[in-house]
Amino acid sequence: LADRVAARRLAPALFGRLAVAAGVAAVPLAYPLWF
């Protein structure tokens, strides 16, 4: 809200990092969270 231009520029890379992170974290966490 404070800097819409910067937010639009940075958002794609941010969501990309989050998607990769979710996939990586899911591997060691799948069984413990099921447990």
PDB file of all heavy atoms in Angstrom:
ATOM      1  N   LEU A   1       0.827  -1.214   0.000  1.00  0.00           N
ATOM      2  CA  LEU A   1       0.000   0.000   0.000  1.00  0.00           C
ATOM      3  C   LEU A   1       0.855   1.255   0.000  1.00  0.00           C
ATOM      4  O   LEU A   1       0.482   2.278  -0.569  1.00  0.00           O
ATOM      5  CB  LEU A   1      -0.932  -0.004   1.216  1.00  0.00           C
ATOM      6  CG  LEU A   1      -2.017  -1.087   1.217  1.00  0.00           C
ATOM      7  CD1 LEU A   1      -2.776  -1.066   2.534  1.00  0.00           C
ATOM      8  CD2 LEU A   1      -2.970  -0.888   0.038  1.00  0.00           C
ATOM      9  N   ALA A   2       2.038   1.167   0.647  1.00  0.00           N
ATOM     10  CA  ALA A   2       2.906   2.334   0.738  1.00  0.00           C
ATOM     11  C   ALA A   2       3.723   2.547  -0.526  1.00  0.00           C
ATOM     12  O   ALA A   2       4.088   3.685  -0.856  1.00  0.00           O
ATOM     13  CB  ALA A   2       3.846   2.190   1.943  1.00  0.00           C
ATOM     14  N   ASP A   3       4.036   1.485  -1.246  1.00  0.00           N
ATOM     15  CA  ASP A   3       4.859   1.592  -2.463  1.00  0.00           C
ATOM     16  C   ASP A   3       4.376   0.554  -3.457  1.00  0.00           C
ATOM     17  O   ASP A   3       4.928  -0.535  -3.578  1.00  0.00           O
ATOM     18  CB  ASP A   3       6.335   1.377  -2.122  1.00  0.00           C
ATOM     19  CG  ASP A   3       7.260   1.722  -3.280  1.00  0.00           C
ATOM     20  OD1 ASP A   3       6.770   1.801  -4.421  1.00  0.00           O
ATOM     21  OD2 ASP A   3       8.476   1.897  -3.046  1.00  0.00           O
ATOM     22  N   ARG A   4       3.331   0.897  -4.181  1.00  0.00           N
ATOM     23  CA  ARG A   4       2.716  -0.055  -5.096  1.00  0.00           C
ATOM     24  C   ARG A   4       3.638  -0.445  -6.249  1.00  0.00           C
ATOM     25  O   ARG A   4       3.637  -1.592  -6.702  1.00  0.00           O
ATOM     26  CB  ARG A   4       1.418   0.536  -5.654  1.00  0.00           C
ATOM     27  CG  ARG A   4       0.319   0.685  -4.610  1.00  0.00           C
ATOM     28  CD  ARG A   4      -0.926   1.330  -5.212  1.00  0.00           C
ATOM     29  NE  ARG A   4      -2.033   1.347  -4.291  1.00  0.00           N
ATOM     30  CZ  ARG A   4      -2.203   2.274  -3.347  1.00  0.00           C
ATOM     31  NH1 ARG A   4      -1.293   3.234  -3.196  1.00  0.00           N
ATOM     32  NH2 ARG A   4      -3.237   2.225  -2.547  1.00  0.00           N
ATOM     33  N   VAL A   5       4.447   0.480  -6.696  1.00  0.00           N
ATOM     34  CA  VAL A   5       5.337   0.196  -7.812  1.00  0.00           C
ATOM     35  C   VAL A   5       6.354  -0.871  -7.421  1.00  0.00           C
ATOM     36  O   VAL A   5       6.565  -1.866  -8.141  1.00  0.00           O
ATOM     37  CB  VAL A   5       6.053   1.476  -8.278  1.00  0.00           C
ATOM     38  CG1 VAL A   5       7.097   1.148  -9.350  1.00  0.00           C
ATOM     39  CG2 VAL A   5       5.045   2.481  -8.827  1.00  0.00           C
ATOM     40  N   ALA A   6       6.994  -0.693  -6.273  1.00  0.00           N
ATOM     41  CA  ALA A   6       7.979  -1.668  -5.807  1.00  0.00           C
ATOM     42  C   ALA A   6       7.322  -3.011  -5.531  1.00  0.00           C
ATOM     43  O   ALA A   6       7.893  -4.070  -5.821  1.00  0.00           O
ATOM     44  CB  ALA A   6       8.674  -1.145  -4.553  1.00  0.00           C
ATOM     45  N   ALA A   7       6.117  -2.976  -4.985  1.00  0.00           N
ATOM     46  CA  ALA A   7       5.420  -4.224  -4.674  1.00  0.00           C
ATOM     47  C   ALA A   7       5.142  -5.025  -5.938  1.00  0.00           C
ATOM     48  O   ALA A   7       5.341  -6.244  -5.980  1.00  0.00           O
ATOM     49  CB  ALA A   7       4.125  -3.923  -3.933  1.00  0.00           C
ATOM     50  N   ARG A   8       4.680  -4.360  -7.007  1.00  0.00           N
ATOM     51  CA  ARG A   8       4.401  -5.071  -8.257  1.00  0.00           C
ATOM     52  C   ARG A   8       5.689  -5.634  -8.863  1.00  0.00           C
ATOM     53  O   ARG A   8       5.689  -6.719  -9.445  1.00  0.00           O
ATOM     54  CB  ARG A   8       3.704  -4.129  -9.242  1.00  0.00           C
ATOM     55  CG  ARG A   8       2.232  -3.892  -8.940  1.00  0.00           C
ATOM     56  CD  ARG A   8       1.542  -3.237 -10.127  1.00  0.00           C
ATOM     57  NE  ARG A   8       2.064  -1.885 -10.367  1.00  0.00           N
ATOM     58  CZ  ARG A   8       1.541  -0.782  -9.848  1.00  0.00           C
ATOM     59  NH1 ARG A   8       0.483  -0.862  -9.058  1.00  0.00           N
ATOM     60  NH2 ARG A   8       2.051   0.396 -10.118  1.00  0.00           N
ATOM     61  N   ARG A   9       6.775  -4.913  -8.701  1.00  0.00           N
ATOM     62  CA  ARG A   9       8.043  -5.368  -9.269  1.00  0.00           C
ATOM     63  C   ARG A   9       8.604  -6.574  -8.520  1.00  0.00           C
ATOM     64  O   ARG A   9       9.183  -7.488  -9.113  1.00  0.00           O
ATOM     65  CB  ARG A   9       9.050  -4.219  -9.228  1.00  0.00           C
ATOM     66  CG  ARG A   9      10.383  -4.559  -9.893  1.00  0.00           C
ATOM     67  CD  ARG A   9      11.301  -3.359  -9.945  1.00  0.00           C
ATOM     68  NE  ARG A   9      11.764  -2.942  -8.628  1.00  0.00           N
ATOM     69  CZ  ARG A   9      11.375  -1.865  -7.964  1.00  0.00           C
ATOM     70  NH1 ARG A   9      10.481  -1.059  -8.514  1.00  0.00           N
ATOM     71  NH2 ARG A   9      11.851  -1.568  -6.776  1.00  0.00           N
ATOM     72  N   LEU A  10       8.423  -6.609  -7.210  1.00  0.00           N
ATOM     73  CA  LEU A  10       9.032  -7.643  -6.373  1.00  0.00           C
ATOM     74  C   LEU A  10       8.131  -8.859  -6.163  1.00  0.00           C
ATOM     75  O   LEU A  10       8.613  -9.923  -5.772  1.00  0.00           O
ATOM     76  CB  LEU A  10       9.404  -7.059  -5.012  1.00  0.00           C
ATOM     77  CG  LEU A  10      10.468  -5.962  -5.021  1.00  0.00           C
ATOM     78  CD1 LEU A  10      10.570  -5.308  -3.660  1.00  0.00           C
ATOM     79  CD2 LEU A  10      11.813  -6.531  -5.439  1.00  0.00           C
ATOM     80  N   ALA A  11       6.832  -8.716  -6.413  1.00  0.00           N
ATOM     81  CA  ALA A  11       5.885  -9.787  -6.087  1.00  0.00           C
ATOM     82  C   ALA A  11       6.158 -11.098  -6.811  1.00  0.00           C
ATOM     83  O   ALA A  11       6.121 -12.170  -6.198  1.00  0.00           O
ATOM     84  CB  ALA A  11       4.459  -9.309  -6.352  1.00  0.00           C
ATOM     85  N   PRO A  12       6.427 -11.100  -8.126  1.00  0.00           N
ATOM     86  CA  PRO A  12       6.629 -12.394  -8.801  1.00  0.00           C
ATOM     87  C   PRO A  12       7.757 -13.218  -8.191  1.00  0.00           C
ATOM     88  O   PRO A  12       7.600 -14.430  -7.979  1.00  0.00           O
ATOM     89  CB  PRO A  12       6.940 -11.987 -10.243  1.00  0.00           C
ATOM     90  CG  PRO A  12       6.285 -10.652 -10.412  1.00  0.00           C
ATOM     91  CD  PRO A  12       6.440  -9.976  -9.085  1.00  0.00           C
ATOM     92  N   ALA A  13       8.895 -12.590  -7.920  1.00  0.00           N
ATOM     93  CA  ALA A  13      10.018 -13.324  -7.331  1.00  0.00           C
ATOM     94  C   ALA A  13       9.678 -13.794  -5.921  1.00  0.00           C
ATOM     95  O   ALA A  13      10.045 -14.911  -5.519  1.00  0.00           O
ATOM     96  CB  ALA A  13      11.262 -12.453  -7.311  1.00  0.00           C
ATOM     97  N   LEU A  14       8.949 -12.958  -5.179  1.00  0.00           N
ATOM     98  CA  LEU A  14       8.576 -13.346  -3.814  1.00  0.00           C
ATOM     99  C   LEU A  14       7.704 -14.596  -3.828  1.00  0.00           C
ATOM    100  O   LEU A  14       7.960 -15.554  -3.087  1.00  0.00           O
ATOM    101  CB  LEU A  14       7.858 -12.181  -3.128  1.00  0.00           C
ATOM    102  CG  LEU A  14       7.490 -12.358  -1.650  1.00  0.00           C
ATOM    103  CD1 LEU A  14       7.467 -11.010  -0.940  1.00  0.00           C
ATOM    104  CD2 LEU A  14       6.134 -13.027  -1.466  1.00  0.00           C
ATOM    105  N   PHE A  15       6.679 -14.602  -4.676  1.00  0.00           N
ATOM    106  CA  PHE A  15       5.797 -15.764  -4.726  1.00  0.00           C
ATOM    107  C   PHE A  15       6.528 -16.988  -5.270  1.00  0.00           C
ATOM    108  O   PHE A  15       6.241 -18.127  -4.888  1.00  0.00           O
ATOM    109  CB  PHE A  15       4.561 -15.451  -5.567  1.00  0.00           C
ATOM    110  CG  PHE A  15       3.587 -14.535  -4.880  1.00  0.00           C
ATOM    111  CD1 PHE A  15       3.297 -13.285  -5.408  1.00  0.00           C
ATOM    112  CD2 PHE A  15       2.980 -14.912  -3.694  1.00  0.00           C
ATOM    113  CE1 PHE A  15       2.412 -12.432  -4.772  1.00  0.00           C
ATOM    114  CE2 PHE A  15       2.088 -14.068  -3.045  1.00  0.00           C
ATOM    115  CZ  PHE A  15       1.808 -12.817  -3.581  1.00  0.00           C
ATOM    116  N   GLY A  16       7.479 -16.764  -6.142  1.00  0.00           N
ATOM    117  CA  GLY A  16       8.274 -17.883  -6.621  1.00  0.00           C
ATOM    118  C   GLY A  16       9.105 -18.513  -5.514  1.00  0.00           C
ATOM    119  O   GLY A  16       9.172 -19.751  -5.406  1.00  0.00           O
ATOM    120  N   ARG A  17       9.736 -17.681  -4.694  1.00  0.00           N
ATOM    121  CA  ARG A  17      10.513 -18.216  -3.565  1.00  0.00           C
ATOM    122  C   ARG A  17       9.614 -18.968  -2.601  1.00  0.00           C
ATOM    123  O   ARG A  17       9.984 -20.031  -2.080  1.00  0.00           O
ATOM    124  CB  ARG A  17      11.223 -17.073  -2.840  1.00  0.00           C
ATOM    125  CG  ARG A  17      12.361 -16.444  -3.612  1.00  0.00           C
ATOM    126  CD  ARG A  17      13.194 -15.528  -2.736  1.00  0.00           C
ATOM    127  NE  ARG A  17      12.452 -14.384  -2.237  1.00  0.00           N
ATOM    128  CZ  ARG A  17      12.290 -13.230  -2.891  1.00  0.00           C
ATOM    129  NH1 ARG A  17      12.807 -13.091  -4.115  1.00  0.00           N
ATOM    130  NH2 ARG A  17      11.628 -12.221  -2.353  1.00  0.00           N
ATOM    131  N   LEU A  18       8.449 -18.425  -2.342  1.00  0.00           N
ATOM    132  CA  LEU A  18       7.530 -19.086  -1.416  1.00  0.00           C
ATOM    133  C   LEU A  18       7.070 -20.437  -1.960  1.00  0.00           C
ATOM    134  O   LEU A  18       6.939 -21.405  -1.205  1.00  0.00           O
ATOM    135  CB  LEU A  18       6.330 -18.187  -1.141  1.00  0.00           C
ATOM    136  CG  LEU A  18       6.605 -16.909  -0.343  1.00  0.00           C
ATOM    137  CD1 LEU A  18       5.325 -16.095  -0.187  1.00  0.00           C
ATOM    138  CD2 LEU A  18       7.181 -17.235   1.032  1.00  0.00           C
ATOM    139  N   ALA A  19       6.839 -20.516  -3.254  1.00  0.00           N
ATOM    140  CA  ALA A  19       6.409 -21.781  -3.847  1.00  0.00           C
ATOM    141  C   ALA A  19       7.506 -22.830  -3.743  1.00  0.00           C
ATOM    142  O   ALA A  19       7.248 -23.993  -3.383  1.00  0.00           O
ATOM    143  CB  ALA A  19       6.017 -21.557  -5.308  1.00  0.00           C
ATOM    144  N   VAL A  20       8.739 -22.433  -4.044  1.00  0.00           N
ATOM    145  CA  VAL A  20       9.858 -23.371  -3.917  1.00  0.00           C
ATOM    146  C   VAL A  20      10.010 -23.798  -2.462  1.00  0.00           C
ATOM    147  O   VAL A  20      10.208 -24.984  -2.159  1.00  0.00           O
ATOM    148  CB  VAL A  20      11.159 -22.734  -4.442  1.00  0.00           C
ATOM    149  CG1 VAL A  20      12.353 -23.620  -4.119  1.00  0.00           C
ATOM    150  CG2 VAL A  20      11.060 -22.484  -5.935  1.00  0.00           C
ATOM    151  N   ALA A  21       9.930 -22.834  -1.544  1.00  0.00           N
ATOM    152  CA  ALA A  21      10.089 -23.135  -0.118  1.00  0.00           C
ATOM    153  C   ALA A  21       9.022 -24.112   0.365  1.00  0.00           C
ATOM    154  O   ALA A  21       9.321 -25.033   1.140  1.00  0.00           O
ATOM    155  CB  ALA A  21      10.025 -21.845   0.693  1.00  0.00           C
ATOM    156  N   ALA A  22       7.792 -23.926  -0.086  1.00  0.00           N
ATOM    157  CA  ALA A  22       6.719 -24.837   0.325  1.00  0.00           C
ATOM    158  C   ALA A  22       7.000 -26.256  -0.136  1.00  0.00           C
ATOM    159  O   ALA A  22       6.801 -27.229   0.610  1.00  0.00           O
ATOM    160  CB  ALA A  22       5.380 -24.345  -0.225  1.00  0.00           C
ATOM    161  N   GLY A  23       7.480 -26.400  -1.353  1.00  0.00           N
ATOM    162  CA  GLY A  23       7.788 -27.731  -1.852  1.00  0.00           C
ATOM    163  C   GLY A  23       8.941 -28.380  -1.112  1.00  0.00           C
ATOM    164  O   GLY A  23       8.902 -29.580  -0.798  1.00  0.00           O
ATOM    165  N   VAL A  24       9.972 -27.594  -0.805  1.00  0.00           N
ATOM    166  CA  VAL A  24      11.127 -28.135  -0.077  1.00  0.00           C
ATOM    167  C   VAL A  24      10.729 -28.517   1.347  1.00  0.00           C
ATOM    168  O   VAL A  24      11.084 -29.595   1.837  1.00  0.00           O
ATOM    169  CB  VAL A  24      12.271 -27.108  -0.075  1.00  0.00           C
ATOM    170  CG1 VAL A  24      13.397 -27.549   0.873  1.00  0.00           C
ATOM    171  CG2 VAL A  24      12.814 -26.912  -1.479  1.00  0.00           C
ATOM    172  N   ALA A  25      10.000 -27.648   2.044  1.00  0.00           N
ATOM    173  CA  ALA A  25       9.633 -27.914   3.437  1.00  0.00           C
ATOM    174  C   ALA A  25       8.690 -29.102   3.555  1.00  0.00           C
ATOM    175  O   ALA A  25       8.697 -29.808   4.575  1.00  0.00           O
ATOM    176  CB  ALA A  25       8.986 -26.671   4.045  1.00  0.00           C
ATOM    177  N   ALA A  26       7.877 -29.337   2.535  1.00  0.00           N
ATOM    178  CA  ALA A  26       6.904 -30.426   2.600  1.00  0.00           C
ATOM    179  C   ALA A  26       7.567 -31.788   2.731  1.00  0.00           C
ATOM    180  O   ALA A  26       6.991 -32.710   3.328  1.00  0.00           O
ATOM    181  CB  ALA A  26       6.002 -30.403   1.367  1.00  0.00           C
ATOM    182  N   VAL A  27       8.764 -31.930   2.203  1.00  0.00           N
ATOM    183  CA  VAL A  27       9.433 -33.236   2.216  1.00  0.00           C
ATOM    184  C   VAL A  27       9.762 -33.679   3.640  1.00  0.00           C
ATOM    185  O   VAL A  27       9.344 -34.761   4.079  1.00  0.00           O
ATOM    186  CB  VAL A  27      10.685 -33.224   1.323  1.00  0.00           C
ATOM    187  CG1 VAL A  27      11.429 -34.549   1.433  1.00  0.00           C
ATOM    188  CG2 VAL A  27      10.300 -32.943  -0.123  1.00  0.00           C
ATOM    189  N   PRO A  28      10.505 -32.881   4.437  1.00  0.00           N
ATOM    190  CA  PRO A  28      10.809 -33.342   5.801  1.00  0.00           C
ATOM    191  C   PRO A  28       9.640 -33.209   6.764  1.00  0.00           C
ATOM    192  O   PRO A  28       9.663 -33.811   7.849  1.00  0.00           O
ATOM    193  CB  PRO A  28      11.965 -32.420   6.225  1.00  0.00           C
ATOM    194  CG  PRO A  28      11.776 -31.181   5.429  1.00  0.00           C
ATOM    195  CD  PRO A  28      11.207 -31.623   4.118  1.00  0.00           C
ATOM    196  N   LEU A  29       8.612 -32.432   6.406  1.00  0.00           N
ATOM    197  CA  LEU A  29       7.529 -32.173   7.359  1.00  0.00           C
ATOM    198  C   LEU A  29       6.301 -33.060   7.157  1.00  0.00           C
ATOM    199  O   LEU A  29       5.439 -33.119   8.042  1.00  0.00           O
ATOM    200  CB  LEU A  29       7.092 -30.708   7.277  1.00  0.00           C
ATOM    201  CG  LEU A  29       8.102 -29.670   7.758  1.00  0.00           C
ATOM    202  CD1 LEU A  29       7.526 -28.273   7.586  1.00  0.00           C
ATOM    203  CD2 LEU A  29       8.473 -29.909   9.227  1.00  0.00           C
ATOM    204  N   ALA A  30       6.192 -33.751   6.034  1.00  0.00           N
ATOM    205  CA  ALA A  30       4.964 -34.486   5.730  1.00  0.00           C
ATOM    206  C   ALA A  30       4.639 -35.514   6.808  1.00  0.00           C
ATOM    207  O   ALA A  30       3.526 -35.523   7.369  1.00  0.00           O
ATOM    208  CB  ALA A  30       5.090 -35.155   4.363  1.00  0.00           C
ATOM    209  N   TYR A  31       5.584 -36.383   7.118  1.00  0.00           N
ATOM    210  CA  TYR A  31       5.293 -37.415   8.121  1.00  0.00           C
ATOM    211  C   TYR A  31       5.144 -36.836   9.529  1.00  0.00           C
ATOM    212  O   TYR A  31       4.193 -37.196  10.245  1.00  0.00           O
ATOM    213  CB  TYR A  31       6.376 -38.492   8.106  1.00  0.00           C
ATOM    214  CG  TYR A  31       6.158 -39.538   9.179  1.00  0.00           C
ATOM    215  CD1 TYR A  31       5.122 -40.463   9.078  1.00  0.00           C
ATOM    216  CD2 TYR A  31       6.965 -39.569  10.316  1.00  0.00           C
ATOM    217  CE1 TYR A  31       4.900 -41.405  10.066  1.00  0.00           C
ATOM    218  CE2 TYR A  31       6.758 -40.519  11.305  1.00  0.00           C
ATOM    219  CZ  TYR A  31       5.728 -41.436  11.187  1.00  0.00           C
ATOM    220  OH  TYR A  31       5.515 -42.361  12.169  1.00  0.00           O
ATOM    221  N   PRO A  32       6.044 -35.943   9.993  1.00  0.00           N
ATOM    222  CA  PRO A  32       5.851 -35.377  11.341  1.00  0.00           C
ATOM    223  C   PRO A  32       4.501 -34.687  11.519  1.00  0.00           C
ATOM    224  O   PRO A  32       3.872 -34.813  12.579  1.00  0.00           O
ATOM    225  CB  PRO A  32       7.018 -34.394  11.473  1.00  0.00           C
ATOM    226  CG  PRO A  32       8.080 -34.954  10.598  1.00  0.00           C
ATOM    227  CD  PRO A  32       7.343 -35.532   9.429  1.00  0.00           C
ATOM    228  N   LEU A  33       4.046 -33.953  10.498  1.00  0.00           N
ATOM    229  CA  LEU A  33       2.751 -33.279  10.635  1.00  0.00           C
ATOM    230  C   LEU A  33       1.607 -34.291  10.617  1.00  0.00           C
ATOM    231  O   LEU A  33       0.604 -34.117  11.326  1.00  0.00           O
ATOM    232  CB  LEU A  33       2.579 -32.251   9.524  1.00  0.00           C
ATOM    233  CG  LEU A  33       3.503 -31.026   9.630  1.00  0.00           C
ATOM    234  CD1 LEU A  33       3.281 -30.080   8.461  1.00  0.00           C
ATOM    235  CD2 LEU A  33       3.293 -30.290  10.955  1.00  0.00           C
ATOM    236  N   TRP A  34       1.736 -35.345   9.818  1.00  0.00           N
ATOM    237  CA  TRP A  34       0.725 -36.400   9.885  1.00  0.00           C
ATOM    238  C   TRP A  34       0.711 -37.015  11.283  1.00  0.00           C
ATOM    239  O   TRP A  34      -0.362 -37.255  11.861  1.00  0.00           O
ATOM    240  CB  TRP A  34       1.020 -37.488   8.856  1.00  0.00           C
ATOM    241  CG  TRP A  34       0.072 -38.650   8.992  1.00  0.00           C
ATOM    242  CD1 TRP A  34      -1.130 -38.790   8.385  1.00  0.00           C
ATOM    243  CD2 TRP A  34       0.246 -39.802   9.830  1.00  0.00           C
ATOM    244  NE1 TRP A  34      -1.734 -39.965   8.790  1.00  0.00           N
ATOM    245  CE2 TRP A  34      -0.912 -40.607   9.681  1.00  0.00           C
ATOM    246  CE3 TRP A  34       1.253 -40.224  10.688  1.00  0.00           C
ATOM    247  CZ2 TRP A  34      -1.068 -41.808  10.355  1.00  0.00           C
ATOM    248  CZ3 TRP A  34       1.098 -41.430  11.373  1.00  0.00           C
ATOM    249  CH2 TRP A  34      -0.038 -42.215  11.196  1.00  0.00           C
ATOM    250  N   PHE A  35       1.881 -37.268  11.820  1.00  0.00           N
ATOM    251  CA  PHE A  35       1.979 -37.873  13.141  1.00  0.00           C
ATOM    252  C   PHE A  35       1.361 -36.956  14.195  1.00  0.00           C
ATOM    253  O   PHE A  35       0.692 -37.426  15.125  1.00  0.00           O
ATOM    254  CB  PHE A  35       3.453 -38.133  13.474  1.00  0.00           C
ATOM    255  CG  PHE A  35       3.668 -39.065  14.635  1.00  0.00           C
ATOM    256  CD1 PHE A  35       3.837 -40.431  14.432  1.00  0.00           C
ATOM    257  CD2 PHE A  35       3.691 -38.589  15.943  1.00  0.00           C
ATOM    258  CE1 PHE A  35       4.027 -41.285  15.495  1.00  0.00           C
ATOM    259  CE2 PHE A  35       3.876 -39.433  17.015  1.00  0.00           C
ATOM    260  CZ  PHE A  35       4.043 -40.794  16.792  1.00  0.00           C
TER     261      PHE A  35
END
